[in-house]
Amino acid sequence: QYSQVCAAAADAAESGVTFGGGQEAAAPRKRKRAEVPVVLGAAGDVAVAAQARQQLVDVDRLVLHHAAKMWAELAEQRGRHARQMVATVEAAAARRLRAKDEEIERIGRLNWALEERLKGMYVEAQVWRDLAQSNEATANALRGELEHVLDAHARRGADHGDGDDAESCCYGENDVLARAAGDGEAASAERRCKGCGEAAAVVLLLPCRHLCACAPCAAAAAACPACGCAKNGSVSVNFS
């Protein structure tokens, strides 16, 4: 084979034709076929085989280079895609966490407001409880005072009745009638309003607890007409 290649090369050189299919521009001189050395034997075959192996090695190296480059590009694309996916997932997770944090903060503010409202309601309930206890104590005291006043009036009426009976035994009928009229006028004067002096005293003023004013005078008075103590409340008394 090598000898045939050499012979073809020699013929082409003599005819002025190159392997590319073109003519040589100017051949300095033509060698005769007899002057071309012909290498025959195993050495030529070894050289051709070595050259072929070298070409195969070069081709394999080129293929491996392109394959490595392709694999590197694919790996870079996969890494870029993975980074994009991770960034997307992280952004979504961050948004959800931010929303949860805002919700937790809102619930915390609501709980704080509810706790403050409960504290206020507890304080208000305590105030109302204390006020109710105070009013109950005041009502009990007023009830006792009213009972005491009523008992005093009842005893006073009984004493006046006994005096009238005793005097009727010693004096005449005219004296008994006069004394009864005088006692009635005295009792009526004691129960008259200290403000206007005309209406009956039917209102107990607080805190002095004087039964000394009628309803209109008690409503208009800022202080007790009997002692001058500042009024902070009143209780109507029904003697019927």
C-alpha atoms as a PDB file:
ATOM      1  CA  GLN A   1       0.000   0.000   0.000  1.00  0.00           C
ATOM      2  CA  TYR A   2       2.701   2.426   0.945  1.00  0.00           C
ATOM      3  CA  SER A   3       4.552   1.669  -2.279  1.00  0.00           C
ATOM      4  CA  GLN A   4       1.421   2.402  -4.278  1.00  0.00           C
ATOM      5  CA  VAL A   5       0.997   5.730  -2.488  1.00  0.00           C
ATOM      6  CA  CYS A   6       4.595   6.641  -3.177  1.00  0.00           C
ATOM      7  CA  ALA A   7       4.218   5.712  -6.830  1.00  0.00           C
ATOM      8  CA  ALA A   8       1.074   7.825  -7.168  1.00  0.00           C
ATOM      9  CA  ALA A   9       2.877  10.739  -5.540  1.00  0.00           C
ATOM     10  CA  ALA A  10       5.770  10.376  -7.940  1.00  0.00           C
ATOM     11  CA  ASP A  11       3.464  10.279 -10.958  1.00  0.00           C
ATOM     12  CA  ALA A  12       1.675  13.361  -9.715  1.00  0.00           C
ATOM     13  CA  ALA A  13       4.961  15.163  -9.211  1.00  0.00           C
ATOM     14  CA  GLU A  14       6.084  14.303 -12.731  1.00  0.00           C
ATOM     15  CA  SER A  15       2.784  15.378 -14.256  1.00  0.00           C
ATOM     16  CA  GLY A  16       2.550  18.609 -12.171  1.00  0.00           C
ATOM     17  CA  VAL A  17      -0.775  17.631 -10.459  1.00  0.00           C
ATOM     18  CA  THR A  18      -1.216  18.018  -6.704  1.00  0.00           C
ATOM     19  CA  PHE A  19      -3.437  15.957  -4.417  1.00  0.00           C
ATOM     20  CA  GLY A  20      -5.841  18.894  -4.118  1.00  0.00           C
ATOM     21  CA  GLY A  21      -6.672  18.680  -7.817  1.00  0.00           C
ATOM     22  CA  GLY A  22      -4.775  21.812  -8.945  1.00  0.00           C
ATOM     23  CA  GLN A  23      -1.743  22.346 -11.178  1.00  0.00           C
ATOM     24  CA  GLU A  24       1.580  23.385  -9.792  1.00  0.00           C
ATOM     25  CA  ALA A  25       2.449  26.957 -10.652  1.00  0.00           C
ATOM     26  CA  ALA A  26       6.020  26.308 -11.677  1.00  0.00           C
ATOM     27  CA  ALA A  27       8.025  23.163 -11.141  1.00  0.00           C
ATOM     28  CA  PRO A  28      11.652  24.013 -10.696  1.00  0.00           C
ATOM     29  CA  ARG A  29      12.649  20.704 -12.018  1.00  0.00           C
ATOM     30  CA  LYS A  30      11.169  17.328 -12.638  1.00  0.00           C
ATOM     31  CA  ARG A  31      12.453  14.300 -10.972  1.00  0.00           C
ATOM     32  CA  LYS A  32      12.446  11.148 -12.767  1.00  0.00           C
ATOM     33  CA  ARG A  33      10.587   8.216 -11.448  1.00  0.00           C
ATOM     34  CA  ALA A  34      13.771   6.365 -11.012  1.00  0.00           C
ATOM     35  CA  GLU A  35      15.143   9.052  -8.657  1.00  0.00           C
ATOM     36  CA  VAL A  36      12.278   8.651  -6.059  1.00  0.00           C
ATOM     37  CA  PRO A  37      13.368   6.227  -3.379  1.00  0.00           C
ATOM     38  CA  VAL A  38      10.868   3.498  -2.796  1.00  0.00           C
ATOM     39  CA  VAL A  39      10.644   2.304   0.767  1.00  0.00           C
ATOM     40  CA  LEU A  40       9.445  -1.217   0.976  1.00  0.00           C
ATOM     41  CA  GLY A  41       8.940  -3.559   3.881  1.00  0.00           C
ATOM     42  CA  ALA A  42       7.624  -3.568   7.460  1.00  0.00           C
ATOM     43  CA  ALA A  43       9.111  -0.178   8.407  1.00  0.00           C
ATOM     44  CA  GLY A  44       6.715   1.666   6.088  1.00  0.00           C
ATOM     45  CA  ASP A  45       3.718  -0.215   7.412  1.00  0.00           C
ATOM     46  CA  VAL A  46       4.721   0.615  10.971  1.00  0.00           C
ATOM     47  CA  ALA A  47       4.987   4.314  10.145  1.00  0.00           C
ATOM     48  CA  VAL A  48       1.560   4.355   8.505  1.00  0.00           C
ATOM     49  CA  ALA A  49       0.013   2.515  11.438  1.00  0.00           C
ATOM     50  CA  ALA A  50       1.635   4.922  13.890  1.00  0.00           C
ATOM     51  CA  GLN A  51       0.339   7.863  11.942  1.00  0.00           C
ATOM     52  CA  ALA A  52      -3.152   6.349  11.857  1.00  0.00           C
ATOM     53  CA  ARG A  53      -3.055   5.711  15.596  1.00  0.00           C
ATOM     54  CA  GLN A  54      -1.913   9.270  16.190  1.00  0.00           C
ATOM     55  CA  GLN A  55      -4.810  10.548  14.118  1.00  0.00           C
ATOM     56  CA  LEU A  56      -7.218   8.371  16.098  1.00  0.00           C
ATOM     57  CA  VAL A  57      -5.734   9.666  19.339  1.00  0.00           C
ATOM     58  CA  ASP A  58      -6.122  13.243  18.125  1.00  0.00           C
ATOM     59  CA  VAL A  59      -9.722  12.585  17.110  1.00  0.00           C
ATOM     60  CA  ASP A  60     -10.463  10.963  20.465  1.00  0.00           C
ATOM     61  CA  ARG A  61      -8.846  13.879  22.273  1.00  0.00           C
ATOM     62  CA  LEU A  62     -10.944  16.340  20.276  1.00  0.00           C
ATOM     63  CA  VAL A  63     -14.130  14.375  20.952  1.00  0.00           C
ATOM     64  CA  LEU A  64     -13.317  14.163  24.646  1.00  0.00           C
ATOM     65  CA  HIS A  65     -12.608  17.885  24.746  1.00  0.00           C
ATOM     66  CA  HIS A  66     -15.935  18.717  23.141  1.00  0.00           C
ATOM     67  CA  ALA A  67     -17.738  16.211  25.387  1.00  0.00           C
ATOM     68  CA  ALA A  68     -16.152  17.723  28.507  1.00  0.00           C
ATOM     69  CA  LYS A  69     -17.086  21.202  27.347  1.00  0.00           C
ATOM     70  CA  MET A  70     -20.665  20.088  26.695  1.00  0.00           C
ATOM     71  CA  TRP A  71     -20.896  18.402  30.092  1.00  0.00           C
ATOM     72  CA  ALA A  72     -19.539  21.537  31.767  1.00  0.00           C
ATOM     73  CA  GLU A  73     -22.142  23.688  30.022  1.00  0.00           C
ATOM     74  CA  LEU A  74     -24.893  21.256  31.018  1.00  0.00           C
ATOM     75  CA  ALA A  75     -23.672  21.254  34.614  1.00  0.00           C
ATOM     76  CA  GLU A  76     -23.618  25.051  34.636  1.00  0.00           C
ATOM     77  CA  GLN A  77     -27.157  25.166  33.246  1.00  0.00           C
ATOM     78  CA  ARG A  78     -28.345  22.670  35.871  1.00  0.00           C
ATOM     79  CA  GLY A  79     -26.654  24.680  38.619  1.00  0.00           C
ATOM     80  CA  ARG A  80     -28.171  27.922  37.352  1.00  0.00           C
ATOM     81  CA  HIS A  81     -31.606  26.312  37.162  1.00  0.00           C
ATOM     82  CA  ALA A  82     -31.204  24.879  40.661  1.00  0.00           C
ATOM     83  CA  ARG A  83     -30.140  28.279  42.005  1.00  0.00           C
ATOM     84  CA  GLN A  84     -33.160  29.908  40.383  1.00  0.00           C
ATOM     85  CA  MET A  85     -35.460  27.295  41.909  1.00  0.00           C
ATOM     86  CA  VAL A  86     -33.860  27.748  45.336  1.00  0.00           C
ATOM     87  CA  ALA A  87     -34.180  31.536  45.066  1.00  0.00           C
ATOM     88  CA  THR A  88     -37.852  31.213  44.082  1.00  0.00           C
ATOM     89  CA  VAL A  89     -38.587  28.847  46.971  1.00  0.00           C
ATOM     90  CA  GLU A  90     -36.714  31.087  49.418  1.00  0.00           C
ATOM     91  CA  ALA A  91     -38.637  34.156  48.223  1.00  0.00           C
ATOM     92  CA  ALA A  92     -41.974  32.348  48.627  1.00  0.00           C
ATOM     93  CA  ALA A  93     -40.965  31.095  52.076  1.00  0.00           C
ATOM     94  CA  ALA A  94     -39.838  34.599  53.070  1.00  0.00           C
ATOM     95  CA  ARG A  95     -43.186  36.042  51.968  1.00  0.00           C
ATOM     96  CA  ARG A  96     -45.073  33.418  53.961  1.00  0.00           C
ATOM     97  CA  LEU A  97     -42.905  33.986  57.021  1.00  0.00           C
ATOM     98  CA  ARG A  98     -43.404  37.736  56.719  1.00  0.00           C
ATOM     99  CA  ALA A  99     -47.169  37.246  56.490  1.00  0.00           C
ATOM    100  CA  LYS A 100     -47.108  34.938  59.518  1.00  0.00           C
ATOM    101  CA  ASP A 101     -45.031  37.446  61.484  1.00  0.00           C
ATOM    102  CA  GLU A 102     -47.487  40.221  60.635  1.00  0.00           C
ATOM    103  CA  GLU A 103     -50.406  38.001  61.669  1.00  0.00           C
ATOM    104  CA  ILE A 104     -48.669  37.099  64.943  1.00  0.00           C
ATOM    105  CA  GLU A 105     -47.995  40.779  65.613  1.00  0.00           C
ATOM    106  CA  ARG A 106     -51.622  41.670  64.869  1.00  0.00           C
ATOM    107  CA  ILE A 107     -52.887  38.915  67.177  1.00  0.00           C
ATOM    108  CA  GLY A 108     -50.465  40.104  69.865  1.00  0.00           C
ATOM    109  CA  ARG A 109     -51.813  43.657  69.622  1.00  0.00           C
ATOM    110  CA  LEU A 110     -55.377  42.324  69.777  1.00  0.00           C
ATOM    111  CA  ASN A 111     -54.558  40.219  72.842  1.00  0.00           C
ATOM    112  CA  TRP A 112     -52.952  43.220  74.514  1.00  0.00           C
ATOM    113  CA  ALA A 113     -56.031  45.339  73.808  1.00  0.00           C
ATOM    114  CA  LEU A 114     -58.288  42.606  75.184  1.00  0.00           C
ATOM    115  CA  GLU A 115     -56.146  42.267  78.305  1.00  0.00           C
ATOM    116  CA  GLU A 116     -56.276  46.017  78.866  1.00  0.00           C
ATOM    117  CA  ARG A 117     -60.046  45.978  78.391  1.00  0.00           C
ATOM    118  CA  LEU A 118     -60.387  43.093  80.852  1.00  0.00           C
ATOM    119  CA  LYS A 119     -58.263  44.976  83.379  1.00  0.00           C
ATOM    120  CA  GLY A 120     -60.439  48.061  82.940  1.00  0.00           C
ATOM    121  CA  MET A 121     -63.609  45.999  83.316  1.00  0.00           C
ATOM    122  CA  TYR A 122     -62.209  44.345  86.444  1.00  0.00           C
ATOM    123  CA  VAL A 123     -61.376  47.729  87.965  1.00  0.00           C
ATOM    124  CA  GLU A 124     -64.801  49.061  87.009  1.00  0.00           C
ATOM    125  CA  ALA A 125     -66.487  46.010  88.531  1.00  0.00           C
ATOM    126  CA  GLN A 126     -64.479  46.497  91.715  1.00  0.00           C
ATOM    127  CA  VAL A 127     -65.548  50.153  91.847  1.00  0.00           C
ATOM    128  CA  TRP A 128     -69.190  49.209  91.344  1.00  0.00           C
ATOM    129  CA  ARG A 129     -68.881  46.526  94.023  1.00  0.00           C
ATOM    130  CA  ASP A 130     -67.411  49.000  96.485  1.00  0.00           C
ATOM    131  CA  LEU A 131     -70.095  51.529  95.582  1.00  0.00           C
ATOM    132  CA  ALA A 132     -72.822  48.934  96.073  1.00  0.00           C
ATOM    133  CA  GLN A 133     -71.416  47.986  99.464  1.00  0.00           C
ATOM    134  CA  SER A 134     -71.194  51.651 100.437  1.00  0.00           C
ATOM    135  CA  ASN A 135     -74.751  52.285  99.277  1.00  0.00           C
ATOM    136  CA  GLU A 136     -75.942  49.231 101.153  1.00  0.00           C
ATOM    137  CA  ALA A 137     -74.242  50.447 104.326  1.00  0.00           C
ATOM    138  CA  THR A 138     -75.732  53.912 103.834  1.00  0.00           C
ATOM    139  CA  ALA A 139     -79.170  52.429 103.238  1.00  0.00           C
ATOM    140  CA  ASN A 140     -78.914  50.333 106.392  1.00  0.00           C
ATOM    141  CA  ALA A 141     -77.846  53.386 108.387  1.00  0.00           C
ATOM    142  CA  LEU A 142     -80.683  55.446 106.938  1.00  0.00           C
ATOM    143  CA  ARG A 143     -83.142  52.670 107.660  1.00  0.00           C
ATOM    144  CA  GLY A 144     -82.004  52.556 111.277  1.00  0.00           C
ATOM    145  CA  GLU A 145     -82.156  56.347 111.555  1.00  0.00           C
ATOM    146  CA  LEU A 146     -85.629  56.385 110.037  1.00  0.00           C
ATOM    147  CA  GLU A 147     -86.835  53.726 112.443  1.00  0.00           C
ATOM    148  CA  HIS A 148     -85.354  55.742 115.308  1.00  0.00           C
ATOM    149  CA  VAL A 149     -87.140  58.912 114.138  1.00  0.00           C
ATOM    150  CA  LEU A 150     -90.426  57.067 113.732  1.00  0.00           C
ATOM    151  CA  ASP A 151     -90.093  55.516 117.168  1.00  0.00           C
ATOM    152  CA  ALA A 152     -89.363  58.950 118.645  1.00  0.00           C
ATOM    153  CA  HIS A 153     -92.450  60.394 116.994  1.00  0.00           C
ATOM    154  CA  ALA A 154     -94.528  57.480 118.226  1.00  0.00           C
ATOM    155  CA  ARG A 155     -93.255  57.880 121.797  1.00  0.00           C
ATOM    156  CA  ARG A 156     -93.861  61.624 121.639  1.00  0.00           C
ATOM    157  CA  GLY A 157     -97.452  61.060 120.530  1.00  0.00           C
ATOM    158  CA  ALA A 158     -97.996  58.542 123.340  1.00  0.00           C
ATOM    159  CA  ASP A 159     -96.574  60.958 125.945  1.00  0.00           C
ATOM    160  CA  HIS A 160     -98.868  63.714 124.736  1.00  0.00           C
ATOM    161  CA  GLY A 161    -101.872  61.401 125.024  1.00  0.00           C
ATOM    162  CA  ASP A 162    -101.023  60.444 128.620  1.00  0.00           C
ATOM    163  CA  GLY A 163    -100.603  64.109 129.602  1.00  0.00           C
ATOM    164  CA  ASP A 164    -103.962  64.978 128.156  1.00  0.00           C
ATOM    165  CA  ASP A 165    -105.651  62.171 130.134  1.00  0.00           C
ATOM    166  CA  ALA A 166    -104.019  63.282 133.385  1.00  0.00           C
ATOM    167  CA  GLU A 167    -104.988  66.914 132.894  1.00  0.00           C
ATOM    168  CA  SER A 168    -108.571  65.977 132.075  1.00  0.00           C
ATOM    169  CA  CYS A 169    -108.927  64.580 135.592  1.00  0.00           C
ATOM    170  CA  CYS A 170    -107.806  67.820 137.236  1.00  0.00           C
ATOM    171  CA  TYR A 171    -109.100  70.574 134.971  1.00  0.00           C
ATOM    172  CA  GLY A 172    -112.197  71.261 133.077  1.00  0.00           C
ATOM    173  CA  GLU A 173    -113.130  70.382 129.573  1.00  0.00           C
ATOM    174  CA  ASN A 174    -112.019  73.719 128.166  1.00  0.00           C
ATOM    175  CA  ASP A 175    -108.509  73.355 129.590  1.00  0.00           C
ATOM    176  CA  VAL A 176    -108.172  69.878 128.063  1.00  0.00           C
ATOM    177  CA  LEU A 177    -109.165  71.145 124.636  1.00  0.00           C
ATOM    178  CA  ALA A 178    -106.771  74.077 124.875  1.00  0.00           C
ATOM    179  CA  ARG A 179    -103.861  71.886 125.947  1.00  0.00           C
ATOM    180  CA  ALA A 180    -104.548  69.406 123.121  1.00  0.00           C
ATOM    181  CA  ALA A 181    -104.664  72.228 120.594  1.00  0.00           C
ATOM    182  CA  GLY A 182    -101.387  73.629 121.908  1.00  0.00           C
ATOM    183  CA  ASP A 183     -99.647  70.259 121.727  1.00  0.00           C
ATOM    184  CA  GLY A 184    -100.898  69.715 118.195  1.00  0.00           C
ATOM    185  CA  GLU A 185     -99.588  73.083 117.127  1.00  0.00           C
ATOM    186  CA  ALA A 186     -96.210  72.358 118.756  1.00  0.00           C
ATOM    187  CA  ALA A 187     -95.900  68.990 117.018  1.00  0.00           C
ATOM    188  CA  SER A 188     -96.939  70.537 113.738  1.00  0.00           C
ATOM    189  CA  ALA A 189     -94.334  73.286 114.183  1.00  0.00           C
ATOM    190  CA  GLU A 190     -91.617  70.712 114.831  1.00  0.00           C
ATOM    191  CA  ARG A 191     -92.480  68.877 111.618  1.00  0.00           C
ATOM    192  CA  ARG A 192     -92.579  71.985 109.461  1.00  0.00           C
ATOM    193  CA  CYS A 193     -89.921  72.655 106.805  1.00  0.00           C
ATOM    194  CA  LYS A 194     -87.020  74.718 108.098  1.00  0.00           C
ATOM    195  CA  GLY A 195     -86.656  76.294 104.674  1.00  0.00           C
ATOM    196  CA  CYS A 196     -90.083  77.659 103.838  1.00  0.00           C
ATOM    197  CA  GLY A 197     -91.735  77.158 107.255  1.00  0.00           C
ATOM    198  CA  GLU A 198     -95.041  76.124 105.697  1.00  0.00           C
ATOM    199  CA  ALA A 199     -94.894  72.592 104.259  1.00  0.00           C
ATOM    200  CA  ALA A 200     -94.268  69.453 106.306  1.00  0.00           C
ATOM    201  CA  ALA A 201     -90.701  68.206 106.666  1.00  0.00           C
ATOM    202  CA  VAL A 202     -90.715  64.892 104.809  1.00  0.00           C
ATOM    203  CA  VAL A 203     -87.120  64.731 103.479  1.00  0.00           C
ATOM    204  CA  LEU A 204     -84.130  63.431 105.445  1.00  0.00           C
ATOM    205  CA  LEU A 205     -80.974  65.288 104.391  1.00  0.00           C
ATOM    206  CA  LEU A 206     -77.547  63.626 104.187  1.00  0.00           C
ATOM    207  CA  PRO A 207     -75.021  63.391 105.725  1.00  0.00           C
ATOM    208  CA  CYS A 208     -76.384  65.301 108.764  1.00  0.00           C
ATOM    209  CA  ARG A 209     -79.613  63.194 108.751  1.00  0.00           C
ATOM    210  CA  HIS A 210     -81.898  66.058 109.733  1.00  0.00           C
ATOM    211  CA  LEU A 211     -85.580  65.625 108.887  1.00  0.00           C
ATOM    212  CA  CYS A 212     -86.132  69.327 108.311  1.00  0.00           C
ATOM    213  CA  ALA A 213     -87.125  70.079 104.710  1.00  0.00           C
ATOM    214  CA  CYS A 214     -89.994  69.594 102.343  1.00  0.00           C
ATOM    215  CA  ALA A 215     -89.502  68.043  98.915  1.00  0.00           C
ATOM    216  CA  PRO A 216     -89.151  71.341  96.935  1.00  0.00           C
ATOM    217  CA  CYS A 217     -86.813  72.912  99.492  1.00  0.00           C
ATOM    218  CA  ALA A 218     -84.704  69.750  99.717  1.00  0.00           C
ATOM    219  CA  ALA A 219     -84.335  69.676  95.932  1.00  0.00           C
ATOM    220  CA  ALA A 220     -83.308  73.346  95.802  1.00  0.00           C
ATOM    221  CA  ALA A 221     -81.130  73.444  98.934  1.00  0.00           C
ATOM    222  CA  ALA A 222     -77.365  72.977  98.744  1.00  0.00           C
ATOM    223  CA  ALA A 223     -77.011  72.715 102.533  1.00  0.00           C
ATOM    224  CA  CYS A 224     -79.123  71.601 105.470  1.00  0.00           C
ATOM    225  CA  PRO A 225     -81.399  74.484 106.609  1.00  0.00           C
ATOM    226  CA  ALA A 226     -81.152  73.260 110.219  1.00  0.00           C
ATOM    227  CA  CYS A 227     -77.378  72.967 110.680  1.00  0.00           C
ATOM    228  CA  GLY A 228     -75.870  74.388 107.477  1.00  0.00           C
ATOM    229  CA  CYS A 229     -74.029  71.165 106.594  1.00  0.00           C
ATOM    230  CA  ALA A 230     -73.382  70.676 102.863  1.00  0.00           C
ATOM    231  CA  LYS A 231     -75.923  68.304 101.373  1.00  0.00           C
ATOM    232  CA  ASN A 232     -74.743  65.295  99.353  1.00  0.00           C
ATOM    233  CA  GLY A 233     -78.007  63.352  99.246  1.00  0.00           C
ATOM    234  CA  SER A 234     -81.555  63.075 100.536  1.00  0.00           C
ATOM    235  CA  VAL A 235     -84.165  60.446 101.411  1.00  0.00           C
ATOM    236  CA  SER A 236     -87.936  60.986 101.287  1.00  0.00           C
ATOM    237  CA  VAL A 237     -89.881  59.749 104.354  1.00  0.00           C
ATOM    238  CA  ASN A 238     -93.490  58.602 104.070  1.00  0.00           C
ATOM    239  CA  PHE A 239     -95.359  58.994 107.410  1.00  0.00           C
ATOM    240  CA  SER A 240     -98.651  57.621 106.154  1.00  0.00           C
END
